Amino acid sequence: MIDEAGMRHLERCAELAEQALDAGEEPFGSVLVGGDGTVLAEDHNRTVSKGDQTAHPEFELARWAAANMTAAERAAATVYTSGEHCPMCSAAHGWVGLGRIVYAVSSAQLAAWRAEFGAAPGPVREIPVQDVAPDVIVEGPVPEFGDRMRELHRRCSAPDA
């Protein structure tokens, strides 16, 4: 069960995903929250603007955490994100030693939506976070965000629709 503060963080992730879409990026946003509940960093997808398909917000937050937090601080932190981590981001999360992940919608949901919208599948297989980083505590999907995130991904797949 996601508490009220967690729902606010997921709401911010959805806002960041919408900002990304409005900037011509894919709609993904993430927030890194310290063990004391303080928002430490946030980002949205920047794969288009950076010309780098690894510029996912979850990966960027893992890099930020590695550079700015102790191992104990990272372990106590939570990454809230609009979509479940891809395998690359899951691995970064695990290698850096970040704590819990809370995601709004799953990779399976995203893959199903992309197929429904006629979009090409992503270049990397959807693999649950736990299959990549088995020691990470993961919560999601959160049904309250399904319709909103589906619409953002629909807009991304068919921007003129």
C-alpha atoms as a PDB file:
ATOM      1  CA  MET A   1       0.000   0.000   0.000  1.00  0.00           C
ATOM      2  CA  ILE A   2       1.411   3.354  -1.058  1.00  0.00           C
ATOM      3  CA  ASP A   3       0.983   6.074   1.575  1.00  0.00           C
ATOM      4  CA  GLU A   4      -0.132   9.652   0.942  1.00  0.00           C
ATOM      5  CA  ALA A   5       3.432  10.953   0.579  1.00  0.00           C
ATOM      6  CA  GLY A   6       4.200   8.175  -1.897  1.00  0.00           C
ATOM      7  CA  MET A   7       1.142   9.091  -3.947  1.00  0.00           C
ATOM      8  CA  ARG A   8       2.351  12.716  -4.043  1.00  0.00           C
ATOM      9  CA  HIS A   9       5.756  11.548  -5.293  1.00  0.00           C
ATOM     10  CA  LEU A  10       4.097   9.430  -7.986  1.00  0.00           C
ATOM     11  CA  GLU A  11       1.974  12.432  -8.942  1.00  0.00           C
ATOM     12  CA  ARG A  12       5.200  14.400  -9.419  1.00  0.00           C
ATOM     13  CA  CYS A  13       6.542  11.549 -11.582  1.00  0.00           C
ATOM     14  CA  ALA A  14       3.442  11.802 -13.777  1.00  0.00           C
ATOM     15  CA  GLU A  15       3.946  15.580 -14.030  1.00  0.00           C
ATOM     16  CA  LEU A  16       7.575  15.049 -15.042  1.00  0.00           C
ATOM     17  CA  ALA A  17       6.474  12.466 -17.623  1.00  0.00           C
ATOM     18  CA  GLU A  18       4.069  15.000 -19.091  1.00  0.00           C
ATOM     19  CA  GLN A  19       6.821  17.645 -19.151  1.00  0.00           C
ATOM     20  CA  ALA A  20       9.033  15.178 -20.999  1.00  0.00           C
ATOM     21  CA  LEU A  21       6.306  14.518 -23.568  1.00  0.00           C
ATOM     22  CA  ASP A  22       5.694  18.247 -24.017  1.00  0.00           C
ATOM     23  CA  ALA A  23       9.454  18.638 -24.658  1.00  0.00           C
ATOM     24  CA  GLY A  24       9.405  15.947 -27.362  1.00  0.00           C
ATOM     25  CA  GLU A  25      10.688  13.123 -25.158  1.00  0.00           C
ATOM     26  CA  GLU A  26       9.096   9.830 -24.185  1.00  0.00           C
ATOM     27  CA  PRO A  27       6.840  10.273 -21.116  1.00  0.00           C
ATOM     28  CA  PHE A  28       8.876   9.046 -18.170  1.00  0.00           C
ATOM     29  CA  GLY A  29       9.653  10.856 -14.912  1.00  0.00           C
ATOM     30  CA  SER A  30      11.311   9.857 -11.652  1.00  0.00           C
ATOM     31  CA  VAL A  31      11.917  11.253  -8.173  1.00  0.00           C
ATOM     32  CA  LEU A  32      14.620  10.189  -5.699  1.00  0.00           C
ATOM     33  CA  VAL A  33      13.484  10.492  -2.082  1.00  0.00           C
ATOM     34  CA  GLY A  34      15.784  10.137   0.920  1.00  0.00           C
ATOM     35  CA  GLY A  35      15.051   7.912   3.868  1.00  0.00           C
ATOM     36  CA  ASP A  36      13.751  10.936   5.784  1.00  0.00           C
ATOM     37  CA  GLY A  37      11.216  11.758   3.037  1.00  0.00           C
ATOM     38  CA  THR A  38      13.202  14.623   1.505  1.00  0.00           C
ATOM     39  CA  VAL A  39      13.117  14.913  -2.286  1.00  0.00           C
ATOM     40  CA  LEU A  40      16.774  14.764  -3.307  1.00  0.00           C
ATOM     41  CA  ALA A  41      16.621  14.813  -7.103  1.00  0.00           C
ATOM     42  CA  GLU A  42      14.205  14.402  -9.977  1.00  0.00           C
ATOM     43  CA  ASP A  43      14.435  14.044 -13.723  1.00  0.00           C
ATOM     44  CA  HIS A  44      12.504  13.093 -16.831  1.00  0.00           C
ATOM     45  CA  ASN A  45      13.426  11.243 -19.976  1.00  0.00           C
ATOM     46  CA  ARG A  46      16.006  13.079 -22.138  1.00  0.00           C
ATOM     47  CA  THR A  47      16.829  10.483 -24.787  1.00  0.00           C
ATOM     48  CA  VAL A  48      15.883  12.777 -27.690  1.00  0.00           C
ATOM     49  CA  SER A  49      17.444  16.024 -26.467  1.00  0.00           C
ATOM     50  CA  LYS A  50      20.686  14.304 -25.463  1.00  0.00           C
ATOM     51  CA  GLY A  51      20.714  11.962 -28.449  1.00  0.00           C
ATOM     52  CA  ASP A  52      21.440   9.185 -25.967  1.00  0.00           C
ATOM     53  CA  GLN A  53      19.061   6.267 -25.545  1.00  0.00           C
ATOM     54  CA  THR A  54      20.452   5.666 -22.037  1.00  0.00           C
ATOM     55  CA  ALA A  55      19.280   9.085 -20.774  1.00  0.00           C
ATOM     56  CA  HIS A  56      16.462   7.561 -18.735  1.00  0.00           C
ATOM     57  CA  PRO A  57      15.552   9.394 -15.515  1.00  0.00           C
ATOM     58  CA  GLU A  58      16.014   6.272 -13.366  1.00  0.00           C
ATOM     59  CA  PHE A  59      19.546   5.788 -14.708  1.00  0.00           C
ATOM     60  CA  GLU A  60      20.384   9.468 -14.186  1.00  0.00           C
ATOM     61  CA  LEU A  61      19.097   9.351 -10.603  1.00  0.00           C
ATOM     62  CA  ALA A  62      21.211   6.249  -9.917  1.00  0.00           C
ATOM     63  CA  ARG A  63      24.275   8.114 -11.205  1.00  0.00           C
ATOM     64  CA  TRP A  64      23.390  11.167  -9.107  1.00  0.00           C
ATOM     65  CA  ALA A  65      22.963   8.982  -6.026  1.00  0.00           C
ATOM     66  CA  ALA A  66      26.332   7.296  -6.577  1.00  0.00           C
ATOM     67  CA  ALA A  67      28.036  10.691  -6.747  1.00  0.00           C
ATOM     68  CA  ASN A  68      26.163  12.431  -3.929  1.00  0.00           C
ATOM     69  CA  MET A  69      25.037   9.894  -1.319  1.00  0.00           C
ATOM     70  CA  THR A  70      26.698   7.446   1.041  1.00  0.00           C
ATOM     71  CA  ALA A  71      25.958   3.742   0.696  1.00  0.00           C
ATOM     72  CA  ALA A  72      23.693   3.897   3.769  1.00  0.00           C
ATOM     73  CA  GLU A  73      21.790   6.898   2.387  1.00  0.00           C
ATOM     74  CA  ARG A  74      21.298   5.137  -0.948  1.00  0.00           C
ATOM     75  CA  ALA A  75      20.005   1.990   0.748  1.00  0.00           C
ATOM     76  CA  ALA A  76      17.434   4.037   2.704  1.00  0.00           C
ATOM     77  CA  ALA A  77      16.242   5.949  -0.383  1.00  0.00           C
ATOM     78  CA  THR A  78      13.236   5.280  -2.602  1.00  0.00           C
ATOM     79  CA  VAL A  79      12.972   5.888  -6.331  1.00  0.00           C
ATOM     80  CA  TYR A  80       9.447   6.777  -7.408  1.00  0.00           C
ATOM     81  CA  THR A  81       8.903   6.500 -11.124  1.00  0.00           C
ATOM     82  CA  SER A  82       6.157   6.749 -13.704  1.00  0.00           C
ATOM     83  CA  GLY A  83       7.104   3.431 -15.318  1.00  0.00           C
ATOM     84  CA  GLU A  84       8.813   0.296 -14.098  1.00  0.00           C
ATOM     85  CA  HIS A  85      12.567   0.359 -14.634  1.00  0.00           C
ATOM     86  CA  CYS A  86      13.910  -1.156 -17.842  1.00  0.00           C
ATOM     87  CA  PRO A  87      16.658  -3.794 -17.420  1.00  0.00           C
ATOM     88  CA  MET A  88      19.410  -1.141 -17.802  1.00  0.00           C
ATOM     89  CA  CYS A  89      17.909   1.073 -15.109  1.00  0.00           C
ATOM     90  CA  SER A  90      17.189  -1.918 -12.854  1.00  0.00           C
ATOM     91  CA  ALA A  91      20.843  -2.934 -13.086  1.00  0.00           C
ATOM     92  CA  ALA A  92      22.036   0.610 -12.337  1.00  0.00           C
ATOM     93  CA  HIS A  93      19.690   0.759  -9.345  1.00  0.00           C
ATOM     94  CA  GLY A  94      21.024  -2.557  -8.033  1.00  0.00           C
ATOM     95  CA  TRP A  95      24.710  -1.761  -8.641  1.00  0.00           C
ATOM     96  CA  VAL A  96      24.430   1.636  -6.910  1.00  0.00           C
ATOM     97  CA  GLY A  97      22.642   0.044  -3.950  1.00  0.00           C
ATOM     98  CA  LEU A  98      19.515   2.165  -3.979  1.00  0.00           C
ATOM     99  CA  GLY A  99      16.595   1.058  -1.835  1.00  0.00           C
ATOM    100  CA  ARG A 100      12.968   0.610  -2.779  1.00  0.00           C
ATOM    101  CA  ILE A 101      11.365   1.296  -6.166  1.00  0.00           C
ATOM    102  CA  VAL A 102       7.745   2.409  -6.460  1.00  0.00           C
ATOM    103  CA  TYR A 103       6.376   2.599  -9.999  1.00  0.00           C
ATOM    104  CA  ALA A 104       3.067   3.833 -11.362  1.00  0.00           C
ATOM    105  CA  VAL A 105       2.742   1.446 -14.329  1.00  0.00           C
ATOM    106  CA  SER A 106       4.523  -1.780 -15.218  1.00  0.00           C
ATOM    107  CA  SER A 107       6.713  -2.626 -18.183  1.00  0.00           C
ATOM    108  CA  ALA A 108       4.101  -5.198 -19.189  1.00  0.00           C
ATOM    109  CA  GLN A 109       1.421  -2.478 -19.264  1.00  0.00           C
ATOM    110  CA  LEU A 110       3.665  -0.240 -21.355  1.00  0.00           C
ATOM    111  CA  ALA A 111       4.439  -3.047 -23.819  1.00  0.00           C
ATOM    112  CA  ALA A 112       0.738  -3.877 -24.182  1.00  0.00           C
ATOM    113  CA  TRP A 113      -0.142  -0.221 -24.770  1.00  0.00           C
ATOM    114  CA  ARG A 114       2.603   0.178 -27.373  1.00  0.00           C
ATOM    115  CA  ALA A 115       1.273  -2.871 -29.225  1.00  0.00           C
ATOM    116  CA  GLU A 116      -2.292  -1.539 -28.972  1.00  0.00           C
ATOM    117  CA  PHE A 117      -1.195   1.834 -30.383  1.00  0.00           C
ATOM    118  CA  GLY A 118       0.699   0.190 -33.254  1.00  0.00           C
ATOM    119  CA  ALA A 119       4.063   1.442 -31.993  1.00  0.00           C
ATOM    120  CA  ALA A 120       7.181  -0.611 -32.563  1.00  0.00           C
ATOM    121  CA  PRO A 121       8.336  -2.614 -29.548  1.00  0.00           C
ATOM    122  CA  GLY A 122      11.293  -1.281 -27.619  1.00  0.00           C
ATOM    123  CA  PRO A 123      14.787  -2.574 -28.425  1.00  0.00           C
ATOM    124  CA  VAL A 124      15.162  -4.293 -25.027  1.00  0.00           C
ATOM    125  CA  ARG A 125      12.945  -7.014 -23.589  1.00  0.00           C
ATOM    126  CA  GLU A 126      10.666  -6.054 -20.707  1.00  0.00           C
ATOM    127  CA  ILE A 127      12.065  -7.811 -17.651  1.00  0.00           C
ATOM    128  CA  PRO A 128      10.646  -7.260 -14.151  1.00  0.00           C
ATOM    129  CA  VAL A 129      12.978  -5.352 -11.843  1.00  0.00           C
ATOM    130  CA  GLN A 130      13.182  -8.314  -9.441  1.00  0.00           C
ATOM    131  CA  ASP A 131      14.548 -10.531 -12.238  1.00  0.00           C
ATOM    132  CA  VAL A 132      17.436  -8.090 -12.758  1.00  0.00           C
ATOM    133  CA  ALA A 133      17.977  -6.817  -9.194  1.00  0.00           C
ATOM    134  CA  PRO A 134      16.435  -9.489  -6.938  1.00  0.00           C
ATOM    135  CA  ASP A 135      17.228  -7.795  -3.625  1.00  0.00           C
ATOM    136  CA  VAL A 136      15.394  -4.552  -4.447  1.00  0.00           C
ATOM    137  CA  ILE A 137      12.000  -4.020  -2.815  1.00  0.00           C
ATOM    138  CA  VAL A 138       9.548  -3.122  -5.576  1.00  0.00           C
ATOM    139  CA  GLU A 139       5.974  -1.841  -5.368  1.00  0.00           C
ATOM    140  CA  GLY A 140       3.679  -1.245  -8.292  1.00  0.00           C
ATOM    141  CA  PRO A 141       1.784  -0.834 -10.428  1.00  0.00           C
ATOM    142  CA  VAL A 142      -0.469   1.736  -8.777  1.00  0.00           C
ATOM    143  CA  PRO A 143      -3.890   1.544 -10.504  1.00  0.00           C
ATOM    144  CA  GLU A 144      -4.754   5.193  -9.839  1.00  0.00           C
ATOM    145  CA  PHE A 145      -2.142   6.219 -12.448  1.00  0.00           C
ATOM    146  CA  GLY A 146      -3.026   3.723 -15.189  1.00  0.00           C
ATOM    147  CA  ASP A 147      -5.407   5.841 -17.267  1.00  0.00           C
ATOM    148  CA  ARG A 148      -3.263   8.961 -17.051  1.00  0.00           C
ATOM    149  CA  MET A 149      -0.053   7.196 -18.031  1.00  0.00           C
ATOM    150  CA  ARG A 150      -1.815   5.289 -20.812  1.00  0.00           C
ATOM    151  CA  GLU A 151      -2.974   8.576 -22.312  1.00  0.00           C
ATOM    152  CA  LEU A 152       0.542  10.052 -22.181  1.00  0.00           C
ATOM    153  CA  HIS A 153       1.924   6.990 -23.951  1.00  0.00           C
ATOM    154  CA  ARG A 154      -0.897   7.119 -26.497  1.00  0.00           C
ATOM    155  CA  ARG A 155       0.016  10.741 -27.245  1.00  0.00           C
ATOM    156  CA  CYS A 156       3.648   9.745 -27.582  1.00  0.00           C
ATOM    157  CA  SER A 157       2.823   6.915 -29.999  1.00  0.00           C
ATOM    158  CA  ALA A 158       0.404   9.008 -32.058  1.00  0.00           C
ATOM    159  CA  PRO A 159       1.371  12.672 -31.466  1.00  0.00           C
ATOM    160  CA  ASP A 160      -1.027  13.985 -34.105  1.00  0.00           C
ATOM    161  CA  ALA A 161      -4.015  12.001 -32.838  1.00  0.00           C
END
